[in-house]
Amino acid sequence: MTRTPPSGCTAAIATPTQQLRQFLALDAVVTGGNGLGYVFLAEPLESLLGVSGDLLRPVGAFLVVYGIAVAVVAGRANVSRAATQAIIAANGLWAAVSLLALALGVLSLTLFGGLWIAAQAVVVGGFAAAQNWALCRLC
């Protein structure tokens, strides 16, 4: 389906594929950046969040690798439906586990740490919802 902007409008309208790529790319950048922060700023983040640097570093490394994988999916000539569905599922799982960890109090978080975990769960859940919406638009 071709969409044309209203008369006098110069803004480009993104296709569903472009929107999916944008959501995936934003996810990759935010996730990779977050991971790099966890890896290289583990000591100051430990006192700020209340999460051990021994946990932040491997979680950060995982996030860097995951962010790279998401970027690869976003950058492919044809965005893989199966890979995108796996990313959506992983993001949904990350958000749910983060909220569950908060609810169960399994981490000794500072107030800011609790707010950070809740905020990143909302952001990651938002990525999953946006990616799912864009993927469904391709049908």
N, C-alpha and C. Protein backbone atom coordinates (compact mmCIF):
# COMPACT_ATOMS: atom_id res chain seq x y z
N MET A 1 0.85 -1.16 0.00
CA MET A 1 0.00 0.00 0.00
C MET A 1 0.90 1.23 0.00
N THR A 2 0.67 2.12 -0.93
CA THR A 2 1.44 3.35 -1.03
C THR A 2 0.67 4.46 -0.35
N ARG A 3 1.36 5.19 0.49
CA ARG A 3 0.72 6.28 1.21
C ARG A 3 1.33 7.58 0.73
N THR A 4 0.50 8.55 0.49
CA THR A 4 0.99 9.86 0.09
C THR A 4 0.65 10.87 1.16
N PRO A 5 1.56 11.80 1.39
CA PRO A 5 1.30 12.81 2.41
C PRO A 5 0.20 13.77 1.93
N PRO A 6 -0.50 14.39 2.88
CA PRO A 6 -1.50 15.38 2.52
C PRO A 6 -0.89 16.53 1.72
N SER A 7 -1.69 17.18 0.96
CA SER A 7 -1.25 18.31 0.15
C SER A 7 -0.53 19.34 1.02
N GLY A 8 0.63 19.78 0.55
CA GLY A 8 1.40 20.79 1.27
C GLY A 8 2.31 20.21 2.34
N CYS A 9 2.23 18.92 2.61
CA CYS A 9 3.06 18.28 3.62
C CYS A 9 4.33 17.77 2.95
N THR A 10 5.46 18.12 3.50
CA THR A 10 6.73 17.70 2.91
C THR A 10 7.38 16.56 3.69
N ALA A 11 6.79 16.15 4.79
CA ALA A 11 7.37 15.09 5.61
C ALA A 11 7.20 13.74 4.92
N ALA A 12 8.23 12.93 4.98
CA ALA A 12 8.16 11.59 4.41
C ALA A 12 7.41 10.68 5.36
N ILE A 13 6.65 9.77 4.80
CA ILE A 13 5.93 8.79 5.60
C ILE A 13 6.70 7.48 5.51
N ALA A 14 7.09 6.95 6.66
CA ALA A 14 7.87 5.72 6.68
C ALA A 14 6.99 4.53 6.33
N THR A 15 7.56 3.62 5.56
CA THR A 15 6.86 2.37 5.25
C THR A 15 6.91 1.48 6.49
N PRO A 16 6.06 0.45 6.54
CA PRO A 16 6.12 -0.47 7.69
C PRO A 16 7.51 -1.09 7.88
N THR A 17 8.19 -1.42 6.78
CA THR A 17 9.53 -1.99 6.89
C THR A 17 10.50 -0.96 7.48
N GLN A 18 10.40 0.29 7.04
CA GLN A 18 11.26 1.34 7.59
C GLN A 18 10.98 1.54 9.08
N GLN A 19 9.70 1.52 9.45
CA GLN A 19 9.36 1.69 10.86
C GLN A 19 9.93 0.55 11.69
N LEU A 20 9.81 -0.68 11.20
CA LEU A 20 10.36 -1.82 11.93
C LEU A 20 11.87 -1.67 12.08
N ARG A 21 12.55 -1.30 11.00
CA ARG A 21 14.01 -1.09 11.07
C ARG A 21 14.36 -0.01 12.10
N GLN A 22 13.58 1.07 12.11
CA GLN A 22 13.84 2.16 13.06
C GLN A 22 13.66 1.70 14.50
N PHE A 23 12.61 0.94 14.76
CA PHE A 23 12.39 0.44 16.13
C PHE A 23 13.50 -0.53 16.53
N LEU A 24 13.90 -1.39 15.61
CA LEU A 24 14.98 -2.32 15.91
C LEU A 24 16.31 -1.58 16.12
N ALA A 25 16.58 -0.60 15.26
CA ALA A 25 17.84 0.16 15.39
C ALA A 25 17.88 0.94 16.71
N LEU A 26 16.77 1.55 17.08
CA LEU A 26 16.73 2.27 18.35
C LEU A 26 16.95 1.31 19.51
N ASP A 27 16.33 0.16 19.45
CA ASP A 27 16.53 -0.88 20.46
C ASP A 27 18.01 -1.24 20.55
N ALA A 28 18.64 -1.45 19.40
CA ALA A 28 20.06 -1.84 19.37
C ALA A 28 20.95 -0.78 20.01
N VAL A 29 20.70 0.47 19.69
CA VAL A 29 21.52 1.57 20.22
C VAL A 29 21.32 1.71 21.73
N VAL A 30 20.08 1.71 22.17
CA VAL A 30 19.80 1.87 23.61
C VAL A 30 20.34 0.68 24.40
N THR A 31 20.09 -0.52 23.89
CA THR A 31 20.55 -1.73 24.59
C THR A 31 22.07 -1.81 24.63
N GLY A 32 22.70 -1.57 23.48
CA GLY A 32 24.16 -1.60 23.44
C GLY A 32 24.79 -0.53 24.32
N GLY A 33 24.22 0.66 24.29
CA GLY A 33 24.73 1.75 25.14
C GLY A 33 24.57 1.44 26.61
N ASN A 34 23.43 0.88 26.96
CA ASN A 34 23.19 0.48 28.35
C ASN A 34 24.21 -0.58 28.76
N GLY A 35 24.44 -1.55 27.88
CA GLY A 35 25.41 -2.60 28.17
C GLY A 35 26.82 -2.05 28.35
N LEU A 36 27.22 -1.13 27.48
CA LEU A 36 28.55 -0.52 27.62
C LEU A 36 28.68 0.22 28.95
N GLY A 37 27.61 0.89 29.34
CA GLY A 37 27.62 1.57 30.64
C GLY A 37 27.81 0.60 31.79
N TYR A 38 27.09 -0.53 31.73
CA TYR A 38 27.22 -1.54 32.78
C TYR A 38 28.63 -2.12 32.83
N VAL A 39 29.24 -2.32 31.67
CA VAL A 39 30.58 -2.91 31.63
C VAL A 39 31.63 -1.93 32.12
N PHE A 40 31.60 -0.71 31.60
CA PHE A 40 32.68 0.24 31.88
C PHE A 40 32.44 1.15 33.07
N LEU A 41 31.22 1.22 33.55
CA LEU A 41 30.91 2.07 34.70
C LEU A 41 30.34 1.26 35.87
N ALA A 42 30.74 0.00 35.94
CA ALA A 42 30.18 -0.89 36.96
C ALA A 42 30.39 -0.38 38.38
N GLU A 43 31.58 0.16 38.67
CA GLU A 43 31.86 0.60 40.05
C GLU A 43 30.95 1.75 40.48
N PRO A 44 30.88 2.86 39.72
CA PRO A 44 29.98 3.93 40.17
C PRO A 44 28.51 3.52 40.12
N LEU A 45 28.15 2.68 39.17
CA LEU A 45 26.76 2.24 39.09
C LEU A 45 26.38 1.32 40.26
N GLU A 46 27.37 0.61 40.77
CA GLU A 46 27.12 -0.29 41.90
C GLU A 46 26.52 0.46 43.08
N SER A 47 27.13 1.58 43.43
CA SER A 47 26.61 2.34 44.58
C SER A 47 25.33 3.11 44.22
N LEU A 48 25.22 3.52 42.98
CA LEU A 48 24.04 4.27 42.55
C LEU A 48 22.80 3.37 42.47
N LEU A 49 22.98 2.16 41.92
CA LEU A 49 21.84 1.26 41.71
C LEU A 49 21.64 0.25 42.83
N GLY A 50 22.72 -0.09 43.52
CA GLY A 50 22.64 -1.14 44.53
C GLY A 50 22.80 -2.52 43.93
N VAL A 51 23.37 -2.59 42.74
CA VAL A 51 23.61 -3.87 42.06
C VAL A 51 25.12 -4.09 41.99
N SER A 52 25.56 -5.27 42.35
CA SER A 52 26.99 -5.59 42.36
C SER A 52 27.60 -5.43 40.98
N GLY A 53 28.81 -4.88 40.96
CA GLY A 53 29.56 -4.80 39.72
C GLY A 53 29.80 -6.17 39.12
N ASP A 54 29.88 -7.20 39.99
CA ASP A 54 30.07 -8.57 39.51
C ASP A 54 28.85 -9.07 38.74
N LEU A 55 27.70 -8.47 38.95
CA LEU A 55 26.51 -8.79 38.17
C LEU A 55 26.37 -7.84 36.98
N LEU A 56 26.70 -6.57 37.19
CA LEU A 56 26.55 -5.58 36.12
C LEU A 56 27.42 -5.88 34.91
N ARG A 57 28.66 -6.30 35.15
CA ARG A 57 29.58 -6.53 34.02
C ARG A 57 29.09 -7.64 33.08
N PRO A 58 28.74 -8.83 33.57
CA PRO A 58 28.27 -9.86 32.62
C PRO A 58 26.92 -9.51 32.00
N VAL A 59 26.05 -8.86 32.75
CA VAL A 59 24.78 -8.42 32.17
C VAL A 59 25.07 -7.40 31.08
N GLY A 60 25.98 -6.49 31.35
CA GLY A 60 26.37 -5.49 30.35
C GLY A 60 26.95 -6.12 29.10
N ALA A 61 27.83 -7.12 29.28
CA ALA A 61 28.42 -7.80 28.13
C ALA A 61 27.33 -8.48 27.30
N PHE A 62 26.39 -9.13 27.98
CA PHE A 62 25.27 -9.75 27.27
C PHE A 62 24.49 -8.71 26.48
N LEU A 63 24.23 -7.56 27.09
CA LEU A 63 23.46 -6.51 26.42
C LEU A 63 24.19 -5.96 25.20
N VAL A 64 25.50 -5.85 25.28
CA VAL A 64 26.28 -5.39 24.13
C VAL A 64 26.13 -6.39 22.98
N VAL A 65 26.30 -7.66 23.26
CA VAL A 65 26.18 -8.69 22.22
C VAL A 65 24.75 -8.72 21.67
N TYR A 66 23.77 -8.64 22.55
CA TYR A 66 22.36 -8.62 22.12
C TYR A 66 22.09 -7.39 21.26
N GLY A 67 22.60 -6.24 21.65
CA GLY A 67 22.42 -5.02 20.86
C GLY A 67 23.03 -5.15 19.48
N ILE A 68 24.19 -5.78 19.38
CA ILE A 68 24.82 -6.01 18.08
C ILE A 68 23.94 -6.94 17.24
N ALA A 69 23.41 -7.99 17.85
CA ALA A 69 22.54 -8.92 17.12
C ALA A 69 21.29 -8.21 16.60
N VAL A 70 20.70 -7.36 17.42
CA VAL A 70 19.51 -6.61 17.00
C VAL A 70 19.88 -5.67 15.85
N ALA A 71 21.05 -5.03 15.92
CA ALA A 71 21.50 -4.15 14.84
C ALA A 71 21.69 -4.92 13.54
N VAL A 72 22.20 -6.13 13.63
CA VAL A 72 22.38 -6.96 12.43
C VAL A 72 21.02 -7.26 11.80
N VAL A 73 20.04 -7.62 12.61
CA VAL A 73 18.69 -7.89 12.10
C VAL A 73 18.12 -6.64 11.44
N ALA A 74 18.30 -5.50 12.08
CA ALA A 74 17.78 -4.24 11.54
C ALA A 74 18.44 -3.86 10.23
N GLY A 75 19.71 -4.22 10.07
CA GLY A 75 20.47 -3.81 8.90
C GLY A 75 20.40 -4.74 7.71
N ARG A 76 19.78 -5.88 7.87
CA ARG A 76 19.67 -6.83 6.76
C ARG A 76 18.81 -6.28 5.63
N ALA A 77 19.09 -6.72 4.41
CA ALA A 77 18.30 -6.28 3.25
C ALA A 77 16.83 -6.64 3.43
N ASN A 78 16.58 -7.84 3.92
CA ASN A 78 15.22 -8.28 4.25
C ASN A 78 15.18 -8.59 5.73
N VAL A 79 14.36 -7.84 6.47
CA VAL A 79 14.26 -8.06 7.91
C VAL A 79 13.59 -9.41 8.14
N SER A 80 14.26 -10.27 8.88
CA SER A 80 13.75 -11.61 9.15
C SER A 80 12.58 -11.56 10.13
N ARG A 81 11.46 -12.12 9.71
CA ARG A 81 10.28 -12.20 10.58
C ARG A 81 10.59 -13.03 11.82
N ALA A 82 11.24 -14.18 11.63
CA ALA A 82 11.56 -15.06 12.76
C ALA A 82 12.52 -14.39 13.74
N ALA A 83 13.53 -13.71 13.23
CA ALA A 83 14.49 -13.02 14.11
C ALA A 83 13.79 -11.89 14.86
N THR A 84 12.92 -11.17 14.16
CA THR A 84 12.20 -10.08 14.81
C THR A 84 11.27 -10.62 15.89
N GLN A 85 10.61 -11.73 15.63
CA GLN A 85 9.74 -12.34 16.64
C GLN A 85 10.56 -12.78 17.85
N ALA A 86 11.76 -13.29 17.61
CA ALA A 86 12.63 -13.69 18.73
C ALA A 86 13.04 -12.47 19.55
N ILE A 87 13.33 -11.36 18.88
CA ILE A 87 13.69 -10.12 19.58
C ILE A 87 12.51 -9.62 20.41
N ILE A 88 11.33 -9.65 19.82
CA ILE A 88 10.12 -9.22 20.54
C ILE A 88 9.92 -10.08 21.78
N ALA A 89 10.06 -11.39 21.63
CA ALA A 89 9.89 -12.30 22.77
C ALA A 89 10.95 -12.05 23.83
N ALA A 90 12.20 -11.86 23.41
CA ALA A 90 13.29 -11.61 24.37
C ALA A 90 13.05 -10.29 25.11
N ASN A 91 12.61 -9.27 24.39
CA ASN A 91 12.33 -7.99 25.04
C ASN A 91 11.18 -8.11 26.03
N GLY A 92 10.14 -8.82 25.63
CA GLY A 92 9.01 -9.02 26.55
C GLY A 92 9.43 -9.79 27.79
N LEU A 93 10.26 -10.81 27.60
CA LEU A 93 10.75 -11.59 28.73
C LEU A 93 11.62 -10.74 29.64
N TRP A 94 12.51 -9.93 29.05
CA TRP A 94 13.38 -9.06 29.86
C TRP A 94 12.54 -8.11 30.72
N ALA A 95 11.53 -7.51 30.10
CA ALA A 95 10.68 -6.57 30.84
C ALA A 95 9.94 -7.29 31.96
N ALA A 96 9.39 -8.46 31.68
CA ALA A 96 8.64 -9.20 32.70
C ALA A 96 9.53 -9.66 33.84
N VAL A 97 10.71 -10.18 33.53
CA VAL A 97 11.63 -10.64 34.57
C VAL A 97 12.13 -9.46 35.41
N SER A 98 12.35 -8.33 34.78
CA SER A 98 12.77 -7.14 35.52
C SER A 98 11.71 -6.73 36.53
N LEU A 99 10.46 -6.70 36.09
CA LEU A 99 9.37 -6.33 37.00
C LEU A 99 9.17 -7.39 38.09
N LEU A 100 9.33 -8.66 37.73
CA LEU A 100 9.21 -9.73 38.71
C LEU A 100 10.32 -9.62 39.76
N ALA A 101 11.55 -9.33 39.32
CA ALA A 101 12.66 -9.16 40.27
C ALA A 101 12.38 -8.02 41.22
N LEU A 102 11.78 -6.94 40.70
CA LEU A 102 11.40 -5.82 41.57
C LEU A 102 10.35 -6.24 42.58
N ALA A 103 9.32 -6.91 42.09
CA ALA A 103 8.21 -7.32 42.96
C ALA A 103 8.67 -8.29 44.05
N LEU A 104 9.59 -9.19 43.71
CA LEU A 104 10.06 -10.18 44.68
C LEU A 104 11.20 -9.67 45.55
N GLY A 105 11.77 -8.53 45.19
CA GLY A 105 12.86 -7.96 45.98
C GLY A 105 14.11 -8.81 45.97
N VAL A 106 14.42 -9.45 44.85
CA VAL A 106 15.58 -10.34 44.79
C VAL A 106 16.91 -9.59 44.74
N LEU A 107 16.87 -8.30 44.43
CA LEU A 107 18.08 -7.48 44.42
C LEU A 107 17.99 -6.46 45.54
N SER A 108 19.12 -6.10 46.11
CA SER A 108 19.16 -5.09 47.17
C SER A 108 19.37 -3.73 46.53
N LEU A 109 18.33 -3.23 45.89
CA LEU A 109 18.44 -2.00 45.11
C LEU A 109 18.32 -0.75 45.97
N THR A 110 18.96 0.30 45.54
CA THR A 110 18.72 1.62 46.11
C THR A 110 17.39 2.11 45.54
N LEU A 111 16.90 3.23 46.04
CA LEU A 111 15.67 3.80 45.49
C LEU A 111 15.85 4.08 44.00
N PHE A 112 16.99 4.70 43.66
CA PHE A 112 17.25 4.99 42.25
C PHE A 112 17.37 3.70 41.45
N GLY A 113 17.97 2.67 42.03
CA GLY A 113 18.09 1.38 41.34
C GLY A 113 16.73 0.78 41.02
N GLY A 114 15.80 0.87 41.98
CA GLY A 114 14.45 0.37 41.74
C GLY A 114 13.75 1.15 40.64
N LEU A 115 13.93 2.46 40.67
CA LEU A 115 13.34 3.30 39.61
C LEU A 115 13.97 2.99 38.26
N TRP A 116 15.29 2.76 38.26
CA TRP A 116 15.99 2.45 37.01
C TRP A 116 15.49 1.14 36.42
N ILE A 117 15.37 0.12 37.25
CA ILE A 117 14.91 -1.19 36.77
C ILE A 117 13.49 -1.06 36.22
N ALA A 118 12.64 -0.35 36.93
CA ALA A 118 11.26 -0.16 36.46
C ALA A 118 11.24 0.61 35.14
N ALA A 119 12.04 1.66 35.05
CA ALA A 119 12.06 2.47 33.83
C ALA A 119 12.58 1.67 32.64
N GLN A 120 13.66 0.91 32.84
CA GLN A 120 14.18 0.14 31.71
C GLN A 120 13.22 -0.98 31.32
N ALA A 121 12.46 -1.52 32.28
CA ALA A 121 11.45 -2.53 31.94
C ALA A 121 10.37 -1.91 31.06
N VAL A 122 9.97 -0.69 31.37
CA VAL A 122 8.96 0.01 30.56
C VAL A 122 9.50 0.29 29.16
N VAL A 123 10.75 0.75 29.09
CA VAL A 123 11.35 1.05 27.78
C VAL A 123 11.47 -0.22 26.94
N VAL A 124 11.98 -1.29 27.52
CA VAL A 124 12.17 -2.54 26.78
C VAL A 124 10.81 -3.13 26.39
N GLY A 125 9.84 -3.05 27.29
CA GLY A 125 8.49 -3.49 26.94
C GLY A 125 7.90 -2.64 25.83
N GLY A 126 8.21 -1.36 25.84
CA GLY A 126 7.78 -0.47 24.77
C GLY A 126 8.42 -0.83 23.44
N PHE A 127 9.69 -1.21 23.46
CA PHE A 127 10.35 -1.68 22.24
C PHE A 127 9.62 -2.91 21.70
N ALA A 128 9.32 -3.85 22.59
CA ALA A 128 8.63 -5.08 22.15
C ALA A 128 7.27 -4.73 21.52
N ALA A 129 6.53 -3.84 22.15
CA ALA A 129 5.21 -3.47 21.63
C ALA A 129 5.34 -2.76 20.28
N ALA A 130 6.28 -1.84 20.17
CA ALA A 130 6.46 -1.09 18.91
C ALA A 130 6.93 -2.02 17.79
N GLN A 131 7.85 -2.91 18.11
CA GLN A 131 8.35 -3.85 17.11
C GLN A 131 7.24 -4.80 16.66
N ASN A 132 6.43 -5.25 17.60
CA ASN A 132 5.31 -6.14 17.26
C ASN A 132 4.30 -5.41 16.38
N TRP A 133 4.00 -4.17 16.73
CA TRP A 133 3.07 -3.37 15.93
C TRP A 133 3.59 -3.20 14.51
N ALA A 134 4.86 -2.87 14.37
CA ALA A 134 5.44 -2.67 13.03
C ALA A 134 5.48 -3.98 12.26
N LEU A 135 5.82 -5.08 12.94
CA LEU A 135 5.86 -6.38 12.28
C LEU A 135 4.46 -6.76 11.78
N CYS A 136 3.45 -6.52 12.58
CA CYS A 136 2.07 -6.84 12.18
C CYS A 136 1.63 -6.01 10.98
N ARG A 137 2.15 -4.82 10.86
CA ARG A 137 1.80 -3.95 9.72
C ARG A 137 2.36 -4.49 8.42
N LEU A 138 3.36 -5.37 8.49
CA LEU A 138 3.93 -5.94 7.27
C LEU A 138 3.04 -7.02 6.65
N CYS A 139 2.08 -7.51 7.43
CA CYS A 139 1.21 -8.58 6.93
C CYS A 139 0.23 -8.07 5.89
